[in-house]
Amino acid sequence: MVLGITSIAFCWFPYLGLPMAIVGLILSILGQRKGEGPIAMAGLVCSIIGLAIGLIWIIAIIIIVANASYYYGW
């Protein structure tokens, strides 16, 4: 759950947030298999949210850079 929460906090920095979200996702799935229900589910949800926000952020940056390079003729 800690990695999921920190992935949400650091999702604006793709080099920090995305690896935390992926590791948190893996560990929460393993935690659910061990039987740690509510905490593992909270970690899973937080990791998915952090991963989604991080991916949306990366896509937005790519679109902004592509449009700027088209507009300014880079």
N, C-alpha and C. Protein backbone atom coordinates (compact mmCIF):
# COMPACT_ATOMS: atom_id res chain seq x y z
N MET A 1 0.81 -1.18 0.00
CA MET A 1 0.00 0.00 0.00
C MET A 1 0.87 1.26 0.00
N VAL A 2 2.00 1.19 0.65
CA VAL A 2 2.90 2.35 0.72
C VAL A 2 3.40 2.72 -0.68
N LEU A 3 3.77 1.72 -1.47
CA LEU A 3 4.24 2.00 -2.83
C LEU A 3 3.13 2.57 -3.70
N GLY A 4 1.91 2.13 -3.49
CA GLY A 4 0.78 2.69 -4.24
C GLY A 4 0.55 4.15 -3.91
N ILE A 5 0.62 4.48 -2.64
CA ILE A 5 0.42 5.87 -2.22
C ILE A 5 1.56 6.75 -2.73
N THR A 6 2.79 6.27 -2.62
CA THR A 6 3.91 7.08 -3.11
C THR A 6 3.92 7.18 -4.62
N SER A 7 3.39 6.17 -5.31
CA SER A 7 3.31 6.27 -6.77
C SER A 7 2.33 7.35 -7.19
N ILE A 8 1.27 7.54 -6.40
CA ILE A 8 0.34 8.64 -6.69
C ILE A 8 1.02 9.98 -6.42
N ALA A 9 1.78 10.05 -5.33
CA ALA A 9 2.45 11.31 -5.00
C ALA A 9 3.53 11.66 -6.01
N PHE A 10 4.24 10.65 -6.53
CA PHE A 10 5.34 10.89 -7.46
C PHE A 10 4.98 10.59 -8.91
N CYS A 11 3.69 10.54 -9.23
CA CYS A 11 3.31 10.22 -10.61
C CYS A 11 3.71 11.34 -11.57
N TRP A 12 4.00 12.53 -11.06
CA TRP A 12 4.41 13.64 -11.93
C TRP A 12 5.86 13.49 -12.38
N PHE A 13 6.60 12.59 -11.74
CA PHE A 13 7.97 12.29 -12.12
C PHE A 13 7.98 10.85 -12.64
N PRO A 14 7.92 10.66 -13.96
CA PRO A 14 7.75 9.32 -14.51
C PRO A 14 8.84 8.33 -14.09
N TYR A 15 10.06 8.82 -13.87
CA TYR A 15 11.13 7.90 -13.49
C TYR A 15 10.99 7.41 -12.05
N LEU A 16 10.20 8.08 -11.25
CA LEU A 16 9.96 7.64 -9.88
C LEU A 16 8.61 6.96 -9.72
N GLY A 17 7.58 7.58 -10.26
CA GLY A 17 6.22 7.10 -10.03
C GLY A 17 5.87 5.79 -10.71
N LEU A 18 6.29 5.64 -11.96
CA LEU A 18 5.93 4.43 -12.70
C LEU A 18 6.58 3.17 -12.14
N PRO A 19 7.87 3.18 -11.82
CA PRO A 19 8.43 1.97 -11.21
C PRO A 19 7.80 1.64 -9.85
N MET A 20 7.49 2.67 -9.06
CA MET A 20 6.82 2.43 -7.78
C MET A 20 5.45 1.81 -7.98
N ALA A 21 4.73 2.29 -8.99
CA ALA A 21 3.40 1.75 -9.25
C ALA A 21 3.48 0.30 -9.72
N ILE A 22 4.44 -0.01 -10.56
CA ILE A 22 4.58 -1.38 -11.06
C ILE A 22 4.97 -2.33 -9.95
N VAL A 23 5.93 -1.93 -9.13
CA VAL A 23 6.34 -2.78 -8.00
C VAL A 23 5.20 -2.92 -6.99
N GLY A 24 4.49 -1.84 -6.73
CA GLY A 24 3.35 -1.89 -5.83
C GLY A 24 2.25 -2.78 -6.35
N LEU A 25 2.03 -2.76 -7.65
CA LEU A 25 1.03 -3.63 -8.28
C LEU A 25 1.41 -5.09 -8.11
N ILE A 26 2.65 -5.41 -8.36
CA ILE A 26 3.12 -6.80 -8.23
C ILE A 26 3.03 -7.27 -6.78
N LEU A 27 3.49 -6.43 -5.86
CA LEU A 27 3.47 -6.83 -4.45
C LEU A 27 2.06 -6.94 -3.89
N SER A 28 1.15 -6.11 -4.35
CA SER A 28 -0.23 -6.21 -3.87
C SER A 28 -0.92 -7.45 -4.42
N ILE A 29 -0.59 -7.84 -5.64
CA ILE A 29 -1.14 -9.09 -6.18
C ILE A 29 -0.60 -10.28 -5.39
N LEU A 30 0.69 -10.25 -5.08
CA LEU A 30 1.26 -11.32 -4.26
C LEU A 30 0.65 -11.32 -2.85
N GLY A 31 0.37 -10.15 -2.31
CA GLY A 31 -0.25 -10.05 -1.00
C GLY A 31 -1.67 -10.60 -0.98
N GLN A 32 -2.40 -10.40 -2.07
CA GLN A 32 -3.74 -10.96 -2.15
C GLN A 32 -3.70 -12.48 -2.20
N ARG A 33 -2.70 -13.03 -2.86
CA ARG A 33 -2.57 -14.49 -2.92
C ARG A 33 -2.22 -15.07 -1.56
N LYS A 34 -1.51 -14.29 -0.73
CA LYS A 34 -1.16 -14.75 0.61
C LYS A 34 -2.34 -14.64 1.57
N GLY A 35 -3.33 -13.87 1.23
CA GLY A 35 -4.51 -13.74 2.07
C GLY A 35 -4.60 -12.45 2.86
N GLU A 36 -3.81 -11.47 2.52
CA GLU A 36 -3.87 -10.16 3.20
C GLU A 36 -4.85 -9.27 2.42
N GLY A 37 -6.13 -9.49 2.63
CA GLY A 37 -7.19 -8.93 1.80
C GLY A 37 -7.28 -7.42 1.69
N PRO A 38 -7.76 -6.72 2.74
CA PRO A 38 -8.07 -5.30 2.57
C PRO A 38 -6.85 -4.42 2.29
N ILE A 39 -5.74 -4.70 2.93
CA ILE A 39 -4.55 -3.87 2.71
C ILE A 39 -3.99 -4.11 1.32
N ALA A 40 -4.00 -5.36 0.88
CA ALA A 40 -3.52 -5.67 -0.47
C ALA A 40 -4.43 -5.05 -1.52
N MET A 41 -5.73 -5.04 -1.26
CA MET A 41 -6.67 -4.43 -2.21
C MET A 41 -6.47 -2.92 -2.27
N ALA A 42 -6.22 -2.29 -1.13
CA ALA A 42 -5.95 -0.86 -1.12
C ALA A 42 -4.66 -0.55 -1.87
N GLY A 43 -3.65 -1.38 -1.69
CA GLY A 43 -2.41 -1.21 -2.43
C GLY A 43 -2.59 -1.38 -3.92
N LEU A 44 -3.43 -2.34 -4.30
CA LEU A 44 -3.71 -2.58 -5.71
C LEU A 44 -4.41 -1.37 -6.34
N VAL A 45 -5.41 -0.86 -5.64
CA VAL A 45 -6.15 0.31 -6.16
C VAL A 45 -5.24 1.53 -6.26
N CYS A 46 -4.44 1.78 -5.23
CA CYS A 46 -3.53 2.93 -5.26
C CYS A 46 -2.48 2.78 -6.36
N SER A 47 -1.97 1.57 -6.56
CA SER A 47 -0.98 1.35 -7.61
C SER A 47 -1.58 1.54 -8.99
N ILE A 48 -2.80 1.08 -9.19
CA ILE A 48 -3.46 1.26 -10.49
C ILE A 48 -3.71 2.73 -10.75
N ILE A 49 -4.14 3.47 -9.74
CA ILE A 49 -4.37 4.91 -9.91
C ILE A 49 -3.06 5.63 -10.23
N GLY A 50 -2.00 5.31 -9.50
CA GLY A 50 -0.70 5.93 -9.77
C GLY A 50 -0.17 5.60 -11.15
N LEU A 51 -0.37 4.34 -11.58
CA LEU A 51 0.07 3.93 -12.91
C LEU A 51 -0.72 4.65 -13.99
N ALA A 52 -2.03 4.76 -13.80
CA ALA A 52 -2.87 5.44 -14.80
C ALA A 52 -2.52 6.91 -14.91
N ILE A 53 -2.36 7.59 -13.78
CA ILE A 53 -2.02 9.01 -13.82
C ILE A 53 -0.64 9.21 -14.45
N GLY A 54 0.31 8.34 -14.11
CA GLY A 54 1.65 8.45 -14.69
C GLY A 54 1.65 8.26 -16.20
N LEU A 55 0.88 7.28 -16.68
CA LEU A 55 0.81 7.05 -18.13
C LEU A 55 0.10 8.19 -18.84
N ILE A 56 -0.96 8.71 -18.24
CA ILE A 56 -1.65 9.87 -18.83
C ILE A 56 -0.71 11.07 -18.88
N TRP A 57 0.10 11.25 -17.85
CA TRP A 57 1.05 12.35 -17.81
C TRP A 57 2.09 12.21 -18.93
N ILE A 58 2.60 11.01 -19.14
CA ILE A 58 3.59 10.78 -20.20
C ILE A 58 2.97 11.03 -21.57
N ILE A 59 1.75 10.56 -21.78
CA ILE A 59 1.07 10.79 -23.06
C ILE A 59 0.85 12.28 -23.29
N ALA A 60 0.46 13.00 -22.23
CA ALA A 60 0.25 14.44 -22.36
C ALA A 60 1.55 15.16 -22.72
N ILE A 61 2.65 14.75 -22.11
CA ILE A 61 3.94 15.37 -22.42
C ILE A 61 4.32 15.11 -23.88
N ILE A 62 4.11 13.89 -24.34
CA ILE A 62 4.43 13.56 -25.74
C ILE A 62 3.58 14.40 -26.69
N ILE A 63 2.30 14.55 -26.40
CA ILE A 63 1.43 15.35 -27.26
C ILE A 63 1.84 16.82 -27.25
N ILE A 64 2.18 17.34 -26.09
CA ILE A 64 2.59 18.75 -25.99
C ILE A 64 3.88 18.99 -26.76
N VAL A 65 4.84 18.10 -26.62
CA VAL A 65 6.12 18.26 -27.33
C VAL A 65 5.91 18.13 -28.84
N ALA A 66 5.06 17.18 -29.24
CA ALA A 66 4.81 17.01 -30.68
C ALA A 66 4.13 18.25 -31.26
N ASN A 67 3.17 18.81 -30.54
CA ASN A 67 2.51 20.01 -31.03
C ASN A 67 3.43 21.22 -31.03
N ALA A 68 4.29 21.31 -30.02
CA ALA A 68 5.22 22.44 -29.98
C ALA A 68 6.23 22.34 -31.11
N SER A 69 6.69 21.13 -31.40
CA SER A 69 7.66 20.99 -32.48
C SER A 69 7.00 21.27 -33.82
N TYR A 70 5.74 20.96 -33.97
CA TYR A 70 5.03 21.27 -35.21
C TYR A 70 4.80 22.78 -35.32
N TYR A 71 4.42 23.40 -34.21
CA TYR A 71 4.11 24.83 -34.22
C TYR A 71 5.36 25.67 -34.44
N TYR A 72 6.45 25.31 -33.75
CA TYR A 72 7.67 26.11 -33.84
C TYR A 72 8.61 25.61 -34.93
N GLY A 73 8.30 24.50 -35.56
CA GLY A 73 9.11 24.00 -36.67
C GLY A 73 10.44 23.43 -36.24
N TRP A 74 10.48 22.76 -35.10
CA TRP A 74 11.73 22.17 -34.64
C TRP A 74 12.07 20.97 -35.45
